[in-house]
Every structure is written in structure tokens, then in C-alpha cells.
């Protein structure tokens, strides 16, 4: 959150953060649900 105090790089960092979140979140969610499904199927 330190970057928001700087005027010029504020938008660049925010857009980069949003891009990383948009790319990483679906992958992490898919891996998480896949592991949960495998664990549940193995448990049952």
C-alpha cells in the first residue's frame, strides 16, 4: 500500500496488481477445487 502515496506509478501498480489477481485467482481456484475433489473422492 506504500505505492499509492506516489502519484505517477499509482495506476501502473494497481493495473499490474489487478492483472496478476485475474490471472492467478482462477488457477489457484482450479487447483484448490481439483485437490479438494480428489481428496473427497479418495475419502469416500
PDB file of N, CA and C in Angstrom:
ATOM      1  N   UNK A   1       0.828  -1.207   0.000  1.00  0.00           N
ATOM      2  CA  UNK A   1       0.000   0.000   0.000  1.00  0.00           C
ATOM      3  C   UNK A   1       0.860   1.254   0.000  1.00  0.00           C
ATOM      4  N   UNK A   2       2.179   1.099   0.093  1.00  0.00           N
ATOM      5  CA  UNK A   2       3.061   2.272   0.115  1.00  0.00           C
ATOM      6  C   UNK A   2       3.055   2.991  -1.226  1.00  0.00           C
ATOM      7  N   UNK A   3       2.803   2.228  -2.293  1.00  0.00           N
ATOM      8  CA  UNK A   3       2.935   2.787  -3.636  1.00  0.00           C
ATOM      9  C   UNK A   3       1.848   3.821  -3.913  1.00  0.00           C
ATOM     10  N   UNK A   4       0.702   3.711  -3.227  1.00  0.00           N
ATOM     11  CA  UNK A   4      -0.410   4.606  -3.514  1.00  0.00           C
ATOM     12  C   UNK A   4      -0.070   6.044  -3.148  1.00  0.00           C
ATOM     13  N   UNK A   5       0.908   6.244  -2.282  1.00  0.00           N
ATOM     14  CA  UNK A   5       1.305   7.597  -1.923  1.00  0.00           C
ATOM     15  C   UNK A   5       2.065   8.266  -3.067  1.00  0.00           C
ATOM     16  N   UNK A   6       2.673   7.486  -3.929  1.00  0.00           N
ATOM     17  CA  UNK A   6       3.381   8.050  -5.078  1.00  0.00           C
ATOM     18  C   UNK A   6       2.387   8.309  -6.201  1.00  0.00           C
ATOM     19  N   UNK A   7       2.473   9.468  -6.803  1.00  0.00           N
ATOM     20  CA  UNK A   7       1.448   9.873  -7.771  1.00  0.00           C
ATOM     21  C   UNK A   7       1.582   9.175  -9.111  1.00  0.00           C
ATOM     22  N   UNK A   8       2.795   9.100  -9.678  1.00  0.00           N
ATOM     23  CA  UNK A   8       2.960   8.651 -11.057  1.00  0.00           C
ATOM     24  C   UNK A   8       2.712   7.171 -11.240  1.00  0.00           C
ATOM     25  N   UNK A   9       3.200   6.361 -10.304  1.00  0.00           N
ATOM     26  CA  UNK A   9       3.158   4.911 -10.514  1.00  0.00           C
ATOM     27  C   UNK A   9       1.904   4.264  -9.929  1.00  0.00           C
ATOM     28  N   UNK A  10       0.992   5.081  -9.426  1.00  0.00           N
ATOM     29  CA  UNK A  10      -0.192   4.546  -8.763  1.00  0.00           C
ATOM     30  C   UNK A  10      -1.011   3.666  -9.713  1.00  0.00           C
ATOM     31  N   UNK A  11      -1.350   4.216 -10.886  1.00  0.00           N
ATOM     32  CA  UNK A  11      -2.191   3.479 -11.828  1.00  0.00           C
ATOM     33  C   UNK A  11      -1.472   2.252 -12.349  1.00  0.00           C
ATOM     34  N   UNK A  12      -0.181   2.379 -12.624  1.00  0.00           N
ATOM     35  CA  UNK A  12       0.559   1.254 -13.180  1.00  0.00           C
ATOM     36  C   UNK A  12       0.564   0.075 -12.210  1.00  0.00           C
ATOM     37  N   UNK A  13       0.839   0.346 -10.944  1.00  0.00           N
ATOM     38  CA  UNK A  13       0.905  -0.724  -9.952  1.00  0.00           C
ATOM     39  C   UNK A  13      -0.479  -1.330  -9.739  1.00  0.00           C
ATOM     40  N   UNK A  14      -1.511  -0.497  -9.714  1.00  0.00           N
ATOM     41  CA  UNK A  14      -2.857  -1.013  -9.490  1.00  0.00           C
ATOM     42  C   UNK A  14      -3.289  -1.925 -10.641  1.00  0.00           C
ATOM     43  N   UNK A  15      -3.002  -1.459 -11.878  1.00  0.00           N
ATOM     44  CA  UNK A  15      -3.368  -2.291 -13.034  1.00  0.00           C
ATOM     45  C   UNK A  15      -2.562  -3.585 -13.055  1.00  0.00           C
ATOM     46  N   UNK A  16      -1.278  -3.511 -12.688  1.00  0.00           N
ATOM     47  CA  UNK A  16      -0.456  -4.723 -12.650  1.00  0.00           C
ATOM     48  C   UNK A  16      -0.993  -5.679 -11.593  1.00  0.00           C
ATOM     49  N   UNK A  17      -1.363  -5.141 -10.434  1.00  0.00           N
ATOM     50  CA  UNK A  17      -1.917  -5.987  -9.379  1.00  0.00           C
ATOM     51  C   UNK A  17      -3.216  -6.652  -9.819  1.00  0.00           C
ATOM     52  N   UNK A  18      -4.081  -5.881 -10.473  1.00  0.00           N
ATOM     53  CA  UNK A  18      -5.346  -6.453 -10.951  1.00  0.00           C
ATOM     54  C   UNK A  18      -5.094  -7.544 -11.981  1.00  0.00           C
ATOM     55  N   UNK A  19      -4.135  -7.312 -12.872  1.00  0.00           N
ATOM     56  CA  UNK A  19      -3.828  -8.307 -13.892  1.00  0.00           C
ATOM     57  C   UNK A  19      -3.319  -9.595 -13.242  1.00  0.00           C
ATOM     58  N   UNK A  20      -2.424  -9.458 -12.265  1.00  0.00           N
ATOM     59  CA  UNK A  20      -1.887 -10.639 -11.582  1.00  0.00           C
ATOM     60  C   UNK A  20      -3.008 -11.385 -10.865  1.00  0.00           C
ATOM     61  N   UNK A  21      -3.895 -10.645 -10.199  1.00  0.00           N
ATOM     62  CA  UNK A  21      -5.003 -11.299  -9.494  1.00  0.00           C
ATOM     63  C   UNK A  21      -5.905 -12.024 -10.479  1.00  0.00           C
ATOM     64  N   UNK A  22      -6.229 -11.373 -11.595  1.00  0.00           N
ATOM     65  CA  UNK A  22      -7.123 -12.000 -12.583  1.00  0.00           C
ATOM     66  C   UNK A  22      -6.500 -13.262 -13.166  1.00  0.00           C
ATOM     67  N   UNK A  23      -5.165 -13.279 -13.292  1.00  0.00           N
ATOM     68  CA  UNK A  23      -4.503 -14.450 -13.865  1.00  0.00           C
ATOM     69  C   UNK A  23      -4.348 -15.550 -12.815  1.00  0.00           C
ATOM     70  N   UNK A  24      -3.993 -15.158 -11.596  1.00  0.00           N
ATOM     71  CA  UNK A  24      -3.645 -16.162 -10.575  1.00  0.00           C
ATOM     72  C   UNK A  24      -4.881 -16.752  -9.899  1.00  0.00           C
ATOM     73  N   UNK A  25      -5.890 -15.937  -9.650  1.00  0.00           N
ATOM     74  CA  UNK A  25      -7.048 -16.423  -8.903  1.00  0.00           C
ATOM     75  C   UNK A  25      -7.722 -17.620  -9.556  1.00  0.00           C
ATOM     76  N   UNK A  26      -8.047 -17.583 -10.866  1.00  0.00           N
ATOM     77  CA  UNK A  26      -8.685 -18.755 -11.489  1.00  0.00           C
ATOM     78  C   UNK A  26      -7.820 -20.008 -11.391  1.00  0.00           C
ATOM     79  N   UNK A  27      -6.494 -19.843 -11.558  1.00  0.00           N
ATOM     80  CA  UNK A  27      -5.597 -21.006 -11.498  1.00  0.00           C
ATOM     81  C   UNK A  27      -5.588 -21.580 -10.092  1.00  0.00           C
ATOM     82  N   UNK A  28      -5.458 -20.710  -9.088  1.00  0.00           N
ATOM     83  CA  UNK A  28      -5.444 -21.185  -7.700  1.00  0.00           C
ATOM     84  C   UNK A  28      -6.776 -21.827  -7.340  1.00  0.00           C
ATOM     85  N   UNK A  29      -7.885 -21.247  -7.801  1.00  0.00           N
ATOM     86  CA  UNK A  29      -9.200 -21.819  -7.513  1.00  0.00           C
ATOM     87  C   UNK A  29      -9.343 -23.187  -8.163  1.00  0.00           C
ATOM     88  N   UNK A  30      -8.899 -23.315  -9.410  1.00  0.00           N
ATOM     89  CA  UNK A  30      -9.000 -24.609 -10.096  1.00  0.00           C
ATOM     90  C   UNK A  30      -8.150 -25.654  -9.399  1.00  0.00           C
ATOM     91  N   UNK A  31      -6.915 -25.287  -9.031  1.00  0.00           N
ATOM     92  CA  UNK A  31      -6.043 -26.247  -8.342  1.00  0.00           C
ATOM     93  C   UNK A  31      -6.636 -26.622  -6.988  1.00  0.00           C
ATOM     94  N   UNK A  32      -7.164 -25.641  -6.274  1.00  0.00           N
ATOM     95  CA  UNK A  32      -7.743 -25.911  -4.959  1.00  0.00           C
ATOM     96  C   UNK A  32      -8.946 -26.842  -5.058  1.00  0.00           C
ATOM     97  N   UNK A  33      -9.874 -26.525  -5.961  1.00  0.00           N
ATOM     98  CA  UNK A  33     -11.063 -27.373  -6.107  1.00  0.00           C
ATOM     99  C   UNK A  33     -10.682 -28.754  -6.606  1.00  0.00           C
ATOM    100  N   UNK A  34      -9.667 -28.837  -7.483  1.00  0.00           N
ATOM    101  CA  UNK A  34      -9.238 -30.134  -8.005  1.00  0.00           C
ATOM    102  C   UNK A  34      -8.685 -30.996  -6.870  1.00  0.00           C
ATOM    103  N   UNK A  35      -7.873 -30.398  -6.004  1.00  0.00           N
ATOM    104  CA  UNK A  35      -7.320 -31.146  -4.875  1.00  0.00           C
ATOM    105  C   UNK A  35      -8.427 -31.541  -3.909  1.00  0.00           C
ATOM    106  N   UNK A  36      -9.384 -30.641  -3.680  1.00  0.00           N
ATOM    107  CA  UNK A  36     -10.491 -30.963  -2.783  1.00  0.00           C
ATOM    108  C   UNK A  36     -11.314 -32.119  -3.350  1.00  0.00           C
ATOM    109  N   UNK A  37     -11.576 -32.084  -4.657  1.00  0.00           N
ATOM    110  CA  UNK A  37     -12.355 -33.157  -5.276  1.00  0.00           C
ATOM    111  C   UNK A  37     -11.604 -34.483  -5.177  1.00  0.00           C
ATOM    112  N   UNK A  38     -10.305 -34.473  -5.438  1.00  0.00           N
ATOM    113  CA  UNK A  38      -9.515 -35.696  -5.334  1.00  0.00           C
ATOM    114  C   UNK A  38      -9.554 -36.218  -3.910  1.00  0.00           C
ATOM    115  N   UNK A  39      -9.384 -35.321  -2.930  1.00  0.00           N
ATOM    116  CA  UNK A  39      -9.398 -35.737  -1.533  1.00  0.00           C
ATOM    117  C   UNK A  39     -10.749 -36.321  -1.133  1.00  0.00           C
ATOM    118  N   UNK A  40     -11.836 -35.689  -1.609  1.00  0.00           N
ATOM    119  CA  UNK A  40     -13.164 -36.179  -1.261  1.00  0.00           C
ATOM    120  C   UNK A  40     -13.429 -37.539  -1.896  1.00  0.00           C
ATOM    121  N   UNK A  41     -13.030 -37.675  -3.153  1.00  0.00           N
ATOM    122  CA  UNK A  41     -13.263 -38.955  -3.831  1.00  0.00           C
ATOM    123  C   UNK A  41     -12.444 -40.064  -3.169  1.00  0.00           C
ATOM    124  N   UNK A  42     -11.211 -39.740  -2.765  1.00  0.00           N
ATOM    125  CA  UNK A  42     -10.379 -40.747  -2.112  1.00  0.00           C
ATOM    126  C   UNK A  42     -10.949 -41.094  -0.748  1.00  0.00           C
ATOM    127  N   UNK A  43     -11.485 -40.088  -0.052  1.00  0.00           N
ATOM    128  CA  UNK A  43     -12.026 -40.331   1.284  1.00  0.00           C
ATOM    129  C   UNK A  43     -13.278 -41.205   1.193  1.00  0.00           C
ATOM    130  N   UNK A  44     -14.093 -40.933   0.183  1.00  0.00           N
ATOM    131  CA  UNK A  44     -15.320 -41.716   0.047  1.00  0.00           C
ATOM    132  C   UNK A  44     -14.999 -43.100  -0.499  1.00  0.00           C
TER     133      UNK A  44
END
